[in-house]
Amino acid sequence: MDIALVLEFLTQLKVNNNREWFQQNKKWYDDSKKEVESFVSEMIVAISAIDPLLQTPSVKDCMFRIFRDVRFGGDKSPYKTNFGAFVARGGRKSSFPGYYFHFEPGESMLAGGVYMPPPDVLKLLRNEVYYHSDEFKGILSDPSFHKHFDQLGDFDKLKKPPKDFPVDFPDVDLLKYRSYIVSRVFQDTAVTSGDYRKQLIEMVKELQPFMAFLNRAISNA
């Protein structure tokens, strides 16, 4: 896969985020999109062999569109400056745990978990953490896991404990999350290296206890 082609396209798109430039470089976009789709297809096959709950979703169901919704907000730039795919059971719209692959110059990443689930699913996840907090903490603090993923993403974390849970719960901080995800950002040199896929697969393997915990919370409801 020619990741360098993809990153260079996205670099230029960020500078020229307008429809005229995009149409003039449509082939470059198409070629870049195909490279990412090929990568995602390979990852779906590889991850399905590791995580049988993934159930081999289709590439088109996992890929995000590059076109932005400009109806709301002040930024009217018509295009995202990244390629992304959420590989999960049921595809990108799924509430099940999944693997997010993101390509963006200086910001490429692998993330795993459940991102901003609906209230009923979030309650299931919090219940699982509440009743099995020691297990969950053990997963997050395992040295081989911690080597790749520092901590849960706290970008949307509550300031106060959620209702329906005791405020004196010793691990109440773990219940404040509205997403249960971990991530790892890569430098461009790592993304364009020949062993990027291999590195991601190793990280996917390390994610399995975390993903199994989240899957159990949702699947046993």
N, C-alpha and C. Protein backbone atom coordinates (compact mmCIF):
# COMPACT_ATOMS: atom_id res chain seq x y z
N MET A 1 0.84 -1.20 0.00
CA MET A 1 0.00 0.00 0.00
C MET A 1 0.87 1.25 0.00
N ASP A 2 0.50 2.22 -0.80
CA ASP A 2 1.26 3.46 -0.90
C ASP A 2 0.66 4.50 0.05
N ILE A 3 1.01 4.39 1.34
CA ILE A 3 0.50 5.33 2.33
C ILE A 3 1.04 6.74 2.08
N ALA A 4 2.25 6.82 1.56
CA ALA A 4 2.84 8.13 1.28
C ALA A 4 1.97 8.92 0.30
N LEU A 5 1.41 8.23 -0.69
CA LEU A 5 0.51 8.86 -1.65
C LEU A 5 -0.71 9.43 -0.93
N VAL A 6 -1.25 8.66 0.00
CA VAL A 6 -2.44 9.08 0.74
C VAL A 6 -2.14 10.31 1.60
N LEU A 7 -1.05 10.27 2.33
CA LEU A 7 -0.71 11.38 3.21
C LEU A 7 -0.39 12.65 2.44
N GLU A 8 0.25 12.50 1.29
CA GLU A 8 0.56 13.68 0.47
C GLU A 8 -0.72 14.29 -0.09
N PHE A 9 -1.66 13.44 -0.52
CA PHE A 9 -2.94 13.96 -0.98
C PHE A 9 -3.64 14.75 0.13
N LEU A 10 -3.66 14.19 1.33
CA LEU A 10 -4.34 14.85 2.44
C LEU A 10 -3.63 16.14 2.84
N THR A 11 -2.31 16.16 2.72
CA THR A 11 -1.55 17.38 3.00
C THR A 11 -1.96 18.49 2.05
N GLN A 12 -2.05 18.17 0.77
CA GLN A 12 -2.43 19.16 -0.23
C GLN A 12 -3.90 19.55 -0.10
N LEU A 13 -4.75 18.60 0.27
CA LEU A 13 -6.17 18.90 0.45
C LEU A 13 -6.38 19.90 1.58
N LYS A 14 -5.59 19.77 2.63
CA LYS A 14 -5.72 20.70 3.76
C LYS A 14 -5.43 22.13 3.34
N VAL A 15 -4.50 22.29 2.41
CA VAL A 15 -4.13 23.62 1.92
C VAL A 15 -5.11 24.12 0.87
N ASN A 16 -5.73 23.18 0.15
CA ASN A 16 -6.63 23.52 -0.97
C ASN A 16 -8.01 22.90 -0.76
N ASN A 17 -8.61 23.21 0.38
CA ASN A 17 -9.89 22.57 0.72
C ASN A 17 -11.04 23.31 0.04
N ASN A 18 -11.15 23.07 -1.26
CA ASN A 18 -12.23 23.68 -2.04
C ASN A 18 -12.62 22.73 -3.17
N ARG A 19 -13.80 22.90 -3.69
CA ARG A 19 -14.34 21.97 -4.69
C ARG A 19 -13.58 22.03 -6.01
N GLU A 20 -13.11 23.21 -6.38
CA GLU A 20 -12.39 23.33 -7.65
C GLU A 20 -11.12 22.50 -7.63
N TRP A 21 -10.32 22.64 -6.57
CA TRP A 21 -9.08 21.86 -6.48
C TRP A 21 -9.40 20.37 -6.40
N PHE A 22 -10.42 20.02 -5.64
CA PHE A 22 -10.78 18.61 -5.47
C PHE A 22 -11.16 17.98 -6.80
N GLN A 23 -11.95 18.68 -7.58
CA GLN A 23 -12.36 18.15 -8.88
C GLN A 23 -11.17 18.02 -9.83
N GLN A 24 -10.25 18.96 -9.75
CA GLN A 24 -9.06 18.89 -10.59
C GLN A 24 -8.15 17.73 -10.19
N ASN A 25 -8.24 17.31 -8.96
CA ASN A 25 -7.39 16.23 -8.45
C ASN A 25 -8.22 15.00 -8.06
N LYS A 26 -9.32 14.81 -8.76
CA LYS A 26 -10.24 13.71 -8.45
C LYS A 26 -9.55 12.35 -8.58
N LYS A 27 -8.71 12.18 -9.58
CA LYS A 27 -8.02 10.89 -9.74
C LYS A 27 -7.09 10.62 -8.57
N TRP A 28 -6.42 11.67 -8.10
CA TRP A 28 -5.54 11.53 -6.94
C TRP A 28 -6.35 11.08 -5.72
N TYR A 29 -7.52 11.69 -5.56
CA TYR A 29 -8.41 11.28 -4.47
C TYR A 29 -8.85 9.83 -4.65
N ASP A 30 -9.28 9.47 -5.85
CA ASP A 30 -9.75 8.09 -6.11
C ASP A 30 -8.64 7.08 -5.83
N ASP A 31 -7.43 7.40 -6.27
CA ASP A 31 -6.30 6.49 -6.04
C ASP A 31 -6.01 6.37 -4.54
N SER A 32 -6.07 7.48 -3.82
CA SER A 32 -5.82 7.47 -2.37
C SER A 32 -6.90 6.68 -1.65
N LYS A 33 -8.14 6.89 -2.04
CA LYS A 33 -9.25 6.17 -1.42
C LYS A 33 -9.10 4.66 -1.63
N LYS A 34 -8.70 4.27 -2.84
CA LYS A 34 -8.52 2.84 -3.14
C LYS A 34 -7.41 2.24 -2.28
N GLU A 35 -6.35 3.01 -2.06
CA GLU A 35 -5.25 2.54 -1.21
C GLU A 35 -5.75 2.28 0.21
N VAL A 36 -6.54 3.21 0.74
CA VAL A 36 -7.07 3.06 2.09
C VAL A 36 -8.05 1.89 2.15
N GLU A 37 -8.92 1.78 1.16
CA GLU A 37 -9.88 0.67 1.13
C GLU A 37 -9.17 -0.67 1.07
N SER A 38 -8.09 -0.74 0.32
CA SER A 38 -7.31 -1.98 0.24
C SER A 38 -6.71 -2.32 1.60
N PHE A 39 -6.20 -1.29 2.27
CA PHE A 39 -5.63 -1.48 3.61
C PHE A 39 -6.71 -1.97 4.57
N VAL A 40 -7.87 -1.32 4.58
CA VAL A 40 -8.95 -1.68 5.49
C VAL A 40 -9.43 -3.11 5.21
N SER A 41 -9.51 -3.47 3.93
CA SER A 41 -9.92 -4.82 3.56
C SER A 41 -8.97 -5.86 4.15
N GLU A 42 -7.67 -5.60 4.05
CA GLU A 42 -6.68 -6.52 4.61
C GLU A 42 -6.80 -6.60 6.13
N MET A 43 -7.06 -5.46 6.76
CA MET A 43 -7.17 -5.44 8.21
C MET A 43 -8.42 -6.17 8.68
N ILE A 44 -9.51 -6.06 7.94
CA ILE A 44 -10.75 -6.77 8.30
C ILE A 44 -10.50 -8.28 8.32
N VAL A 45 -9.83 -8.77 7.28
CA VAL A 45 -9.53 -10.20 7.21
C VAL A 45 -8.62 -10.62 8.37
N ALA A 46 -7.58 -9.83 8.61
CA ALA A 46 -6.62 -10.17 9.66
C ALA A 46 -7.26 -10.12 11.04
N ILE A 47 -8.05 -9.10 11.31
CA ILE A 47 -8.65 -8.94 12.63
C ILE A 47 -9.73 -10.00 12.85
N SER A 48 -10.47 -10.35 11.81
CA SER A 48 -11.52 -11.37 11.93
C SER A 48 -10.94 -12.71 12.39
N ALA A 49 -9.69 -12.96 12.03
CA ALA A 49 -9.04 -14.20 12.47
C ALA A 49 -8.65 -14.14 13.94
N ILE A 50 -8.55 -12.92 14.47
CA ILE A 50 -8.19 -12.72 15.88
C ILE A 50 -9.43 -12.53 16.74
N ASP A 51 -10.38 -11.78 16.22
CA ASP A 51 -11.59 -11.41 16.95
C ASP A 51 -12.81 -11.94 16.20
N PRO A 52 -13.30 -13.14 16.51
CA PRO A 52 -14.42 -13.73 15.77
C PRO A 52 -15.72 -12.95 15.92
N LEU A 53 -15.84 -12.12 16.95
CA LEU A 53 -17.06 -11.34 17.14
C LEU A 53 -17.18 -10.22 16.10
N LEU A 54 -16.10 -9.95 15.39
CA LEU A 54 -16.12 -8.91 14.37
C LEU A 54 -17.07 -9.26 13.22
N GLN A 55 -17.14 -10.55 12.88
CA GLN A 55 -18.06 -11.06 11.86
C GLN A 55 -17.81 -10.48 10.46
N THR A 56 -16.58 -10.11 10.17
CA THR A 56 -16.14 -9.70 8.83
C THR A 56 -17.08 -8.73 8.13
N PRO A 57 -17.18 -7.48 8.62
CA PRO A 57 -18.02 -6.49 7.94
C PRO A 57 -17.42 -6.10 6.59
N SER A 58 -18.24 -5.52 5.72
CA SER A 58 -17.75 -5.09 4.41
C SER A 58 -16.99 -3.78 4.53
N VAL A 59 -16.08 -3.56 3.61
CA VAL A 59 -15.27 -2.34 3.62
C VAL A 59 -16.15 -1.10 3.49
N LYS A 60 -17.12 -1.14 2.59
CA LYS A 60 -17.95 0.05 2.36
C LYS A 60 -18.78 0.41 3.58
N ASP A 61 -19.12 -0.58 4.41
CA ASP A 61 -19.88 -0.30 5.62
C ASP A 61 -19.02 0.28 6.73
N CYS A 62 -17.70 0.16 6.57
CA CYS A 62 -16.78 0.64 7.61
C CYS A 62 -16.18 2.01 7.29
N MET A 63 -16.09 2.36 6.02
CA MET A 63 -15.43 3.60 5.62
C MET A 63 -16.31 4.83 5.89
N PHE A 64 -15.67 5.92 6.32
CA PHE A 64 -16.35 7.20 6.46
C PHE A 64 -16.17 8.02 5.18
N ARG A 65 -17.18 8.79 4.84
CA ARG A 65 -17.09 9.66 3.67
C ARG A 65 -16.14 10.82 3.94
N ILE A 66 -15.51 11.30 2.89
CA ILE A 66 -14.59 12.43 3.04
C ILE A 66 -15.33 13.77 3.00
N PHE A 67 -16.58 13.73 2.59
CA PHE A 67 -17.37 14.95 2.45
C PHE A 67 -17.93 15.38 3.81
N ARG A 68 -17.73 16.65 4.16
CA ARG A 68 -18.19 17.17 5.44
C ARG A 68 -19.64 17.67 5.32
N ASP A 69 -20.34 17.60 6.44
CA ASP A 69 -21.66 18.20 6.54
C ASP A 69 -21.46 19.66 6.97
N VAL A 70 -21.66 20.58 6.04
CA VAL A 70 -21.36 21.99 6.30
C VAL A 70 -22.60 22.79 6.69
N ARG A 71 -23.69 22.09 6.97
CA ARG A 71 -24.93 22.80 7.32
C ARG A 71 -24.85 23.47 8.68
N PHE A 72 -24.05 22.93 9.56
CA PHE A 72 -23.97 23.44 10.92
C PHE A 72 -22.53 23.84 11.23
N GLY A 73 -22.37 24.85 12.06
CA GLY A 73 -21.03 25.27 12.44
C GLY A 73 -20.45 26.30 11.49
N GLY A 74 -19.39 26.94 11.91
CA GLY A 74 -18.79 28.01 11.12
C GLY A 74 -17.84 27.53 10.04
N ASP A 75 -17.27 26.35 10.19
CA ASP A 75 -16.31 25.83 9.21
C ASP A 75 -17.06 25.27 8.00
N LYS A 76 -16.93 25.92 6.88
CA LYS A 76 -17.62 25.51 5.66
C LYS A 76 -16.70 24.75 4.69
N SER A 77 -15.54 24.31 5.18
CA SER A 77 -14.65 23.52 4.33
C SER A 77 -15.40 22.26 3.89
N PRO A 78 -15.45 21.99 2.59
CA PRO A 78 -16.29 20.90 2.10
C PRO A 78 -15.75 19.49 2.36
N TYR A 79 -14.45 19.37 2.70
CA TYR A 79 -13.87 18.03 2.81
C TYR A 79 -13.14 17.82 4.13
N LYS A 80 -13.23 16.61 4.64
CA LYS A 80 -12.39 16.22 5.77
C LYS A 80 -10.95 16.10 5.26
N THR A 81 -10.02 16.29 6.14
CA THR A 81 -8.61 16.17 5.74
C THR A 81 -8.01 14.87 6.29
N ASN A 82 -8.85 13.83 6.31
CA ASN A 82 -8.39 12.52 6.75
C ASN A 82 -9.23 11.43 6.08
N PHE A 83 -8.73 10.23 6.13
CA PHE A 83 -9.50 9.03 5.78
C PHE A 83 -9.68 8.23 7.06
N GLY A 84 -10.91 7.74 7.28
CA GLY A 84 -11.16 6.98 8.48
C GLY A 84 -12.07 5.80 8.21
N ALA A 85 -11.91 4.76 9.02
CA ALA A 85 -12.77 3.58 8.91
C ALA A 85 -12.94 2.98 10.31
N PHE A 86 -14.19 2.69 10.66
CA PHE A 86 -14.48 2.03 11.92
C PHE A 86 -14.87 0.59 11.61
N VAL A 87 -13.97 -0.31 11.92
CA VAL A 87 -14.15 -1.73 11.62
C VAL A 87 -14.80 -2.39 12.84
N ALA A 88 -16.10 -2.65 12.71
CA ALA A 88 -16.85 -3.22 13.82
C ALA A 88 -17.95 -4.13 13.29
N ARG A 89 -18.46 -4.97 14.14
CA ARG A 89 -19.61 -5.80 13.80
C ARG A 89 -20.77 -4.89 13.42
N GLY A 90 -21.17 -4.94 12.15
CA GLY A 90 -22.22 -4.07 11.66
C GLY A 90 -21.72 -2.80 11.00
N GLY A 91 -20.41 -2.56 11.00
CA GLY A 91 -19.85 -1.41 10.32
C GLY A 91 -19.77 -0.15 11.17
N ARG A 92 -19.54 0.98 10.52
CA ARG A 92 -19.22 2.22 11.20
C ARG A 92 -20.35 2.76 12.08
N LYS A 93 -21.59 2.37 11.84
CA LYS A 93 -22.72 2.86 12.63
C LYS A 93 -23.03 1.97 13.82
N SER A 94 -22.23 0.95 14.02
CA SER A 94 -22.47 -0.02 15.07
C SER A 94 -22.18 0.55 16.46
N SER A 95 -22.90 0.06 17.45
CA SER A 95 -22.62 0.39 18.85
C SER A 95 -21.71 -0.65 19.50
N PHE A 96 -21.37 -1.70 18.75
CA PHE A 96 -20.45 -2.70 19.27
C PHE A 96 -19.01 -2.17 19.24
N PRO A 97 -18.16 -2.72 20.07
CA PRO A 97 -16.75 -2.31 20.05
C PRO A 97 -16.14 -2.54 18.68
N GLY A 98 -15.24 -1.65 18.30
CA GLY A 98 -14.60 -1.79 17.00
C GLY A 98 -13.22 -1.18 16.99
N TYR A 99 -12.62 -1.22 15.81
CA TYR A 99 -11.25 -0.75 15.60
C TYR A 99 -11.30 0.41 14.61
N TYR A 100 -10.79 1.56 15.02
CA TYR A 100 -10.82 2.74 14.16
C TYR A 100 -9.44 3.00 13.58
N PHE A 101 -9.39 3.05 12.24
CA PHE A 101 -8.15 3.35 11.52
C PHE A 101 -8.26 4.74 10.93
N HIS A 102 -7.30 5.57 11.25
CA HIS A 102 -7.34 6.99 10.87
C HIS A 102 -6.04 7.34 10.17
N PHE A 103 -6.17 7.95 8.99
CA PHE A 103 -5.01 8.41 8.23
C PHE A 103 -5.09 9.92 8.09
N GLU A 104 -4.10 10.59 8.63
CA GLU A 104 -4.01 12.06 8.57
C GLU A 104 -2.57 12.45 8.86
N PRO A 105 -1.98 13.33 8.07
CA PRO A 105 -0.58 13.70 8.30
C PRO A 105 -0.34 14.15 9.75
N GLY A 106 0.56 13.46 10.42
CA GLY A 106 0.90 13.79 11.79
C GLY A 106 -0.10 13.31 12.83
N GLU A 107 -1.23 12.75 12.41
CA GLU A 107 -2.30 12.37 13.34
C GLU A 107 -2.87 10.99 13.06
N SER A 108 -2.18 10.17 12.29
CA SER A 108 -2.69 8.83 12.00
C SER A 108 -2.75 8.02 13.29
N MET A 109 -3.74 7.14 13.38
CA MET A 109 -3.91 6.41 14.64
C MET A 109 -4.65 5.10 14.47
N LEU A 110 -4.52 4.30 15.51
CA LEU A 110 -5.36 3.14 15.73
C LEU A 110 -6.08 3.38 17.05
N ALA A 111 -7.40 3.19 17.06
CA ALA A 111 -8.17 3.29 18.29
C ALA A 111 -9.05 2.06 18.40
N GLY A 112 -9.37 1.68 19.62
CA GLY A 112 -10.24 0.54 19.83
C GLY A 112 -11.22 0.80 20.95
N GLY A 113 -12.44 0.30 20.80
CA GLY A 113 -13.43 0.45 21.85
C GLY A 113 -14.78 0.90 21.34
N VAL A 114 -15.52 1.61 22.19
CA VAL A 114 -16.86 2.08 21.87
C VAL A 114 -16.87 3.60 21.97
N TYR A 115 -17.22 4.27 20.87
CA TYR A 115 -17.17 5.74 20.81
C TYR A 115 -18.57 6.34 20.89
N MET A 116 -18.81 7.12 21.93
CA MET A 116 -20.05 7.87 22.11
C MET A 116 -21.29 7.02 21.83
N PRO A 117 -21.48 5.94 22.58
CA PRO A 117 -22.64 5.07 22.36
C PRO A 117 -23.93 5.72 22.82
N PRO A 118 -25.08 5.24 22.37
CA PRO A 118 -26.36 5.75 22.85
C PRO A 118 -26.52 5.46 24.34
N PRO A 119 -27.40 6.17 25.03
CA PRO A 119 -27.52 6.04 26.49
C PRO A 119 -27.72 4.62 27.01
N ASP A 120 -28.53 3.82 26.31
CA ASP A 120 -28.78 2.46 26.80
C ASP A 120 -27.52 1.60 26.75
N VAL A 121 -26.73 1.77 25.69
CA VAL A 121 -25.47 1.02 25.58
C VAL A 121 -24.45 1.52 26.59
N LEU A 122 -24.38 2.83 26.77
CA LEU A 122 -23.45 3.40 27.75
C LEU A 122 -23.77 2.89 29.16
N LYS A 123 -25.04 2.77 29.47
CA LYS A 123 -25.44 2.24 30.79
C LYS A 123 -24.95 0.79 30.96
N LEU A 124 -25.04 0.00 29.92
CA LEU A 124 -24.56 -1.38 29.97
C LEU A 124 -23.05 -1.42 30.23
N LEU A 125 -22.32 -0.56 29.55
CA LEU A 125 -20.87 -0.52 29.72
C LEU A 125 -20.51 -0.09 31.14
N ARG A 126 -21.18 0.92 31.64
CA ARG A 126 -20.90 1.38 33.00
C ARG A 126 -21.26 0.31 34.04
N ASN A 127 -22.35 -0.40 33.81
CA ASN A 127 -22.71 -1.48 34.72
C ASN A 127 -21.62 -2.54 34.78
N GLU A 128 -21.08 -2.88 33.61
CA GLU A 128 -20.03 -3.90 33.55
C GLU A 128 -18.79 -3.44 34.31
N VAL A 129 -18.44 -2.16 34.13
CA VAL A 129 -17.30 -1.61 34.85
C VAL A 129 -17.57 -1.58 36.35
N TYR A 130 -18.80 -1.22 36.71
CA TYR A 130 -19.17 -1.13 38.13
C TYR A 130 -19.06 -2.49 38.83
N TYR A 131 -19.58 -3.51 38.21
CA TYR A 131 -19.60 -4.83 38.84
C TYR A 131 -18.29 -5.60 38.68
N HIS A 132 -17.45 -5.16 37.74
CA HIS A 132 -16.20 -5.88 37.49
C HIS A 132 -15.03 -4.89 37.38
N SER A 133 -14.99 -3.94 38.28
CA SER A 133 -13.99 -2.87 38.18
C SER A 133 -12.56 -3.40 38.34
N ASP A 134 -12.37 -4.38 39.21
CA ASP A 134 -11.02 -4.91 39.39
C ASP A 134 -10.52 -5.58 38.10
N GLU A 135 -11.41 -6.31 37.45
CA GLU A 135 -11.04 -6.94 36.18
C GLU A 135 -10.68 -5.88 35.14
N PHE A 136 -11.50 -4.84 35.07
CA PHE A 136 -11.29 -3.79 34.09
C PHE A 136 -9.97 -3.06 34.35
N LYS A 137 -9.72 -2.73 35.59
CA LYS A 137 -8.46 -2.06 35.94
C LYS A 137 -7.27 -2.95 35.63
N GLY A 138 -7.44 -4.25 35.83
CA GLY A 138 -6.37 -5.18 35.53
C GLY A 138 -6.03 -5.20 34.05
N ILE A 139 -7.06 -5.12 33.21
CA ILE A 139 -6.85 -5.08 31.76
C ILE A 139 -6.08 -3.82 31.37
N LEU A 140 -6.52 -2.68 31.90
CA LEU A 140 -5.91 -1.40 31.53
C LEU A 140 -4.47 -1.26 32.04
N SER A 141 -4.18 -1.92 33.15
CA SER A 141 -2.85 -1.77 33.75
C SER A 141 -1.89 -2.89 33.37
N ASP A 142 -2.37 -3.87 32.62
CA ASP A 142 -1.50 -4.97 32.20
C ASP A 142 -0.30 -4.39 31.43
N PRO A 143 0.92 -4.78 31.79
CA PRO A 143 2.11 -4.19 31.17
C PRO A 143 2.13 -4.28 29.64
N SER A 144 1.71 -5.42 29.09
CA SER A 144 1.75 -5.56 27.62
C SER A 144 0.71 -4.67 26.95
N PHE A 145 -0.41 -4.45 27.63
CA PHE A 145 -1.44 -3.55 27.10
C PHE A 145 -0.98 -2.10 27.26
N HIS A 146 -0.47 -1.80 28.44
CA HIS A 146 -0.06 -0.43 28.76
C HIS A 146 1.13 0.02 27.91
N LYS A 147 1.85 -0.93 27.38
CA LYS A 147 2.98 -0.61 26.51
C LYS A 147 2.51 0.13 25.26
N HIS A 148 1.30 -0.20 24.79
CA HIS A 148 0.78 0.39 23.55
C HIS A 148 -0.26 1.48 23.79
N PHE A 149 -1.01 1.35 24.88
CA PHE A 149 -2.13 2.27 25.13
C PHE A 149 -2.01 2.83 26.55
N ASP A 150 -1.88 4.15 26.67
CA ASP A 150 -1.62 4.77 27.96
C ASP A 150 -2.84 4.75 28.89
N GLN A 151 -3.99 5.22 28.38
CA GLN A 151 -5.16 5.36 29.24
C GLN A 151 -6.41 5.52 28.38
N LEU A 152 -7.55 5.46 29.03
CA LEU A 152 -8.81 5.69 28.33
C LEU A 152 -8.87 7.13 27.84
N GLY A 153 -9.43 7.34 26.65
CA GLY A 153 -9.60 8.68 26.13
C GLY A 153 -10.59 9.46 26.98
N ASP A 154 -10.20 10.63 27.49
CA ASP A 154 -11.04 11.38 28.41
C ASP A 154 -11.58 12.67 27.81
N PHE A 155 -11.66 12.74 26.47
CA PHE A 155 -12.09 13.96 25.79
C PHE A 155 -13.54 14.33 26.11
N ASP A 156 -14.38 13.36 26.47
CA ASP A 156 -15.79 13.66 26.75
C ASP A 156 -16.19 13.18 28.14
N LYS A 157 -15.24 13.13 29.03
CA LYS A 157 -15.47 12.61 30.38
C LYS A 157 -16.31 13.57 31.21
N LEU A 158 -17.22 13.00 32.00
CA LEU A 158 -18.06 13.80 32.90
C LEU A 158 -17.22 14.36 34.04
N LYS A 159 -17.64 15.50 34.57
CA LYS A 159 -16.98 16.08 35.73
C LYS A 159 -17.51 15.48 37.02
N LYS A 160 -18.77 15.06 36.99
CA LYS A 160 -19.40 14.47 38.16
C LYS A 160 -19.80 13.02 37.86
N PRO A 161 -19.95 12.20 38.89
CA PRO A 161 -20.36 10.81 38.67
C PRO A 161 -21.73 10.75 37.99
N PRO A 162 -21.96 9.77 37.13
CA PRO A 162 -23.26 9.63 36.48
C PRO A 162 -24.32 9.22 37.50
N LYS A 163 -25.55 9.60 37.21
CA LYS A 163 -26.64 9.22 38.12
C LYS A 163 -26.84 7.70 38.07
N ASP A 164 -27.51 7.19 39.06
CA ASP A 164 -27.81 5.76 39.20
C ASP A 164 -26.62 4.95 39.70
N PHE A 165 -25.53 5.62 40.05
CA PHE A 165 -24.39 4.92 40.62
C PHE A 165 -23.97 5.62 41.92
N PRO A 166 -23.55 4.87 42.92
CA PRO A 166 -23.16 5.49 44.19
C PRO A 166 -21.92 6.37 44.04
N VAL A 167 -21.99 7.57 44.60
CA VAL A 167 -20.87 8.50 44.46
C VAL A 167 -19.66 8.06 45.27
N ASP A 168 -19.87 7.18 46.25
CA ASP A 168 -18.74 6.72 47.06
C ASP A 168 -18.11 5.43 46.54
N PHE A 169 -18.51 5.02 45.33
CA PHE A 169 -17.90 3.85 44.70
C PHE A 169 -16.41 4.13 44.51
N PRO A 170 -15.53 3.25 44.99
CA PRO A 170 -14.08 3.52 44.96
C PRO A 170 -13.54 3.83 43.57
N ASP A 171 -14.11 3.22 42.55
CA ASP A 171 -13.62 3.43 41.19
C ASP A 171 -14.60 4.26 40.36
N VAL A 172 -15.26 5.20 41.03
CA VAL A 172 -16.29 5.99 40.36
C VAL A 172 -15.73 6.76 39.17
N ASP A 173 -14.44 7.06 39.21
CA ASP A 173 -13.83 7.80 38.09
C ASP A 173 -13.97 7.04 36.78
N LEU A 174 -13.96 5.70 36.85
CA LEU A 174 -14.09 4.88 35.65
C LEU A 174 -15.50 4.92 35.06
N LEU A 175 -16.46 5.42 35.83
CA LEU A 175 -17.84 5.49 35.35
C LEU A 175 -18.16 6.84 34.70
N LYS A 176 -17.24 7.76 34.74
CA LYS A 176 -17.47 9.10 34.20
C LYS A 176 -17.28 9.19 32.69
N TYR A 177 -16.73 8.14 32.10
CA TYR A 177 -16.47 8.17 30.66
C TYR A 177 -17.77 8.02 29.87
N ARG A 178 -17.86 8.75 28.77
CA ARG A 178 -19.01 8.62 27.86
C ARG A 178 -18.61 7.84 26.60
N SER A 179 -17.32 7.58 26.49
CA SER A 179 -16.78 6.67 25.48
C SER A 179 -15.74 5.81 26.18
N TYR A 180 -15.66 4.56 25.77
CA TYR A 180 -14.65 3.67 26.33
C TYR A 180 -13.72 3.27 25.20
N ILE A 181 -12.70 4.10 24.99
CA ILE A 181 -11.76 3.87 23.90
C ILE A 181 -10.32 4.09 24.37
N VAL A 182 -9.41 3.42 23.70
CA VAL A 182 -7.99 3.68 23.86
C VAL A 182 -7.43 3.91 22.45
N SER A 183 -6.34 4.65 22.36
CA SER A 183 -5.81 4.97 21.03
C SER A 183 -4.30 5.14 21.08
N ARG A 184 -3.73 5.11 19.89
CA ARG A 184 -2.29 5.30 19.72
C ARG A 184 -2.06 6.08 18.43
N VAL A 185 -1.38 7.21 18.55
CA VAL A 185 -1.06 8.05 17.39
C VAL A 185 0.33 7.68 16.88
N PHE A 186 0.46 7.69 15.55
CA PHE A 186 1.72 7.31 14.92
C PHE A 186 2.30 8.47 14.11
N GLN A 187 3.61 8.56 14.10
CA GLN A 187 4.29 9.50 13.23
C GLN A 187 4.19 9.02 11.78
N ASP A 188 4.30 9.93 10.86
CA ASP A 188 4.19 9.57 9.44
C ASP A 188 5.23 8.54 9.03
N THR A 189 6.41 8.63 9.62
CA THR A 189 7.47 7.68 9.26
C THR A 189 7.07 6.25 9.64
N ALA A 190 6.34 6.11 10.73
CA ALA A 190 5.89 4.78 11.14
C ALA A 190 4.79 4.28 10.21
N VAL A 191 3.88 5.18 9.83
CA VAL A 191 2.76 4.80 8.97
C VAL A 191 3.24 4.37 7.59
N THR A 192 4.28 4.99 7.09
CA THR A 192 4.78 4.68 5.76
C THR A 192 5.84 3.59 5.77
N SER A 193 6.16 3.06 6.93
CA SER A 193 7.17 2.01 7.01
C SER A 193 6.59 0.67 6.55
N GLY A 194 7.45 -0.24 6.23
CA GLY A 194 7.01 -1.52 5.70
C GLY A 194 6.37 -2.44 6.72
N ASP A 195 6.56 -2.15 8.02
CA ASP A 195 6.00 -3.05 9.04
C ASP A 195 4.81 -2.45 9.78
N TYR A 196 4.18 -1.44 9.18
CA TYR A 196 3.04 -0.79 9.84
C TYR A 196 1.90 -1.77 10.09
N ARG A 197 1.55 -2.57 9.07
CA ARG A 197 0.47 -3.55 9.25
C ARG A 197 0.80 -4.52 10.38
N LYS A 198 2.02 -5.01 10.39
CA LYS A 198 2.44 -5.98 11.40
C LYS A 198 2.32 -5.37 12.80
N GLN A 199 2.72 -4.11 12.93
CA GLN A 199 2.63 -3.44 14.21
C GLN A 199 1.17 -3.30 14.66
N LEU A 200 0.30 -2.95 13.73
CA LEU A 200 -1.11 -2.81 14.06
C LEU A 200 -1.73 -4.13 14.49
N ILE A 201 -1.40 -5.19 13.81
CA ILE A 201 -1.94 -6.50 14.16
C ILE A 201 -1.51 -6.91 15.57
N GLU A 202 -0.25 -6.63 15.91
CA GLU A 202 0.21 -6.93 17.27
C GLU A 202 -0.57 -6.13 18.30
N MET A 203 -0.88 -4.89 17.97
CA MET A 203 -1.65 -4.05 18.88
C MET A 203 -3.10 -4.53 18.97
N VAL A 204 -3.65 -5.00 17.88
CA VAL A 204 -5.01 -5.56 17.88
C VAL A 204 -5.07 -6.77 18.82
N LYS A 205 -4.03 -7.58 18.79
CA LYS A 205 -3.98 -8.74 19.69
C LYS A 205 -3.98 -8.29 21.15
N GLU A 206 -3.23 -7.24 21.44
CA GLU A 206 -3.19 -6.73 22.82
C GLU A 206 -4.53 -6.12 23.23
N LEU A 207 -5.31 -5.70 22.28
CA LEU A 207 -6.61 -5.09 22.58
C LEU A 207 -7.68 -6.12 22.96
N GLN A 208 -7.43 -7.39 22.70
CA GLN A 208 -8.49 -8.38 22.84
C GLN A 208 -9.14 -8.47 24.22
N PRO A 209 -8.42 -8.46 25.33
CA PRO A 209 -9.10 -8.49 26.63
C PRO A 209 -10.00 -7.28 26.83
N PHE A 210 -9.55 -6.12 26.40
CA PHE A 210 -10.33 -4.88 26.50
C PHE A 210 -11.60 -4.98 25.65
N MET A 211 -11.45 -5.44 24.42
CA MET A 211 -12.58 -5.56 23.52
C MET A 211 -13.57 -6.62 24.00
N ALA A 212 -13.04 -7.72 24.54
CA ALA A 212 -13.90 -8.79 25.05
C ALA A 212 -14.73 -8.30 26.23
N PHE A 213 -14.13 -7.49 27.07
CA PHE A 213 -14.85 -6.93 28.22
C PHE A 213 -16.01 -6.07 27.75
N LEU A 214 -15.76 -5.19 26.79
CA LEU A 214 -16.81 -4.31 26.27
C LEU A 214 -17.88 -5.10 25.52
N ASN A 215 -17.47 -6.07 24.74
CA ASN A 215 -18.42 -6.91 24.03
C ASN A 215 -19.34 -7.67 24.99
N ARG A 216 -18.76 -8.15 26.05
CA ARG A 216 -19.54 -8.90 27.05
C ARG A 216 -20.63 -8.01 27.66
N ALA A 217 -20.29 -6.77 27.90
CA ALA A 217 -21.24 -5.84 28.50
C ALA A 217 -22.46 -5.64 27.61
N ILE A 218 -22.23 -5.56 26.32
CA ILE A 218 -23.31 -5.28 25.37
C ILE A 218 -24.04 -6.56 24.95
N SER A 219 -23.28 -7.61 24.72
CA SER A 219 -23.86 -8.85 24.17
C SER A 219 -24.69 -9.62 25.19
N ASN A 220 -24.38 -9.47 26.47
CA ASN A 220 -25.11 -10.23 27.49
C ASN A 220 -26.37 -9.55 27.98
N ALA A 221 -26.67 -8.38 27.41
CA ALA A 221 -27.87 -7.64 27.85
C ALA A 221 -29.14 -8.37 27.41
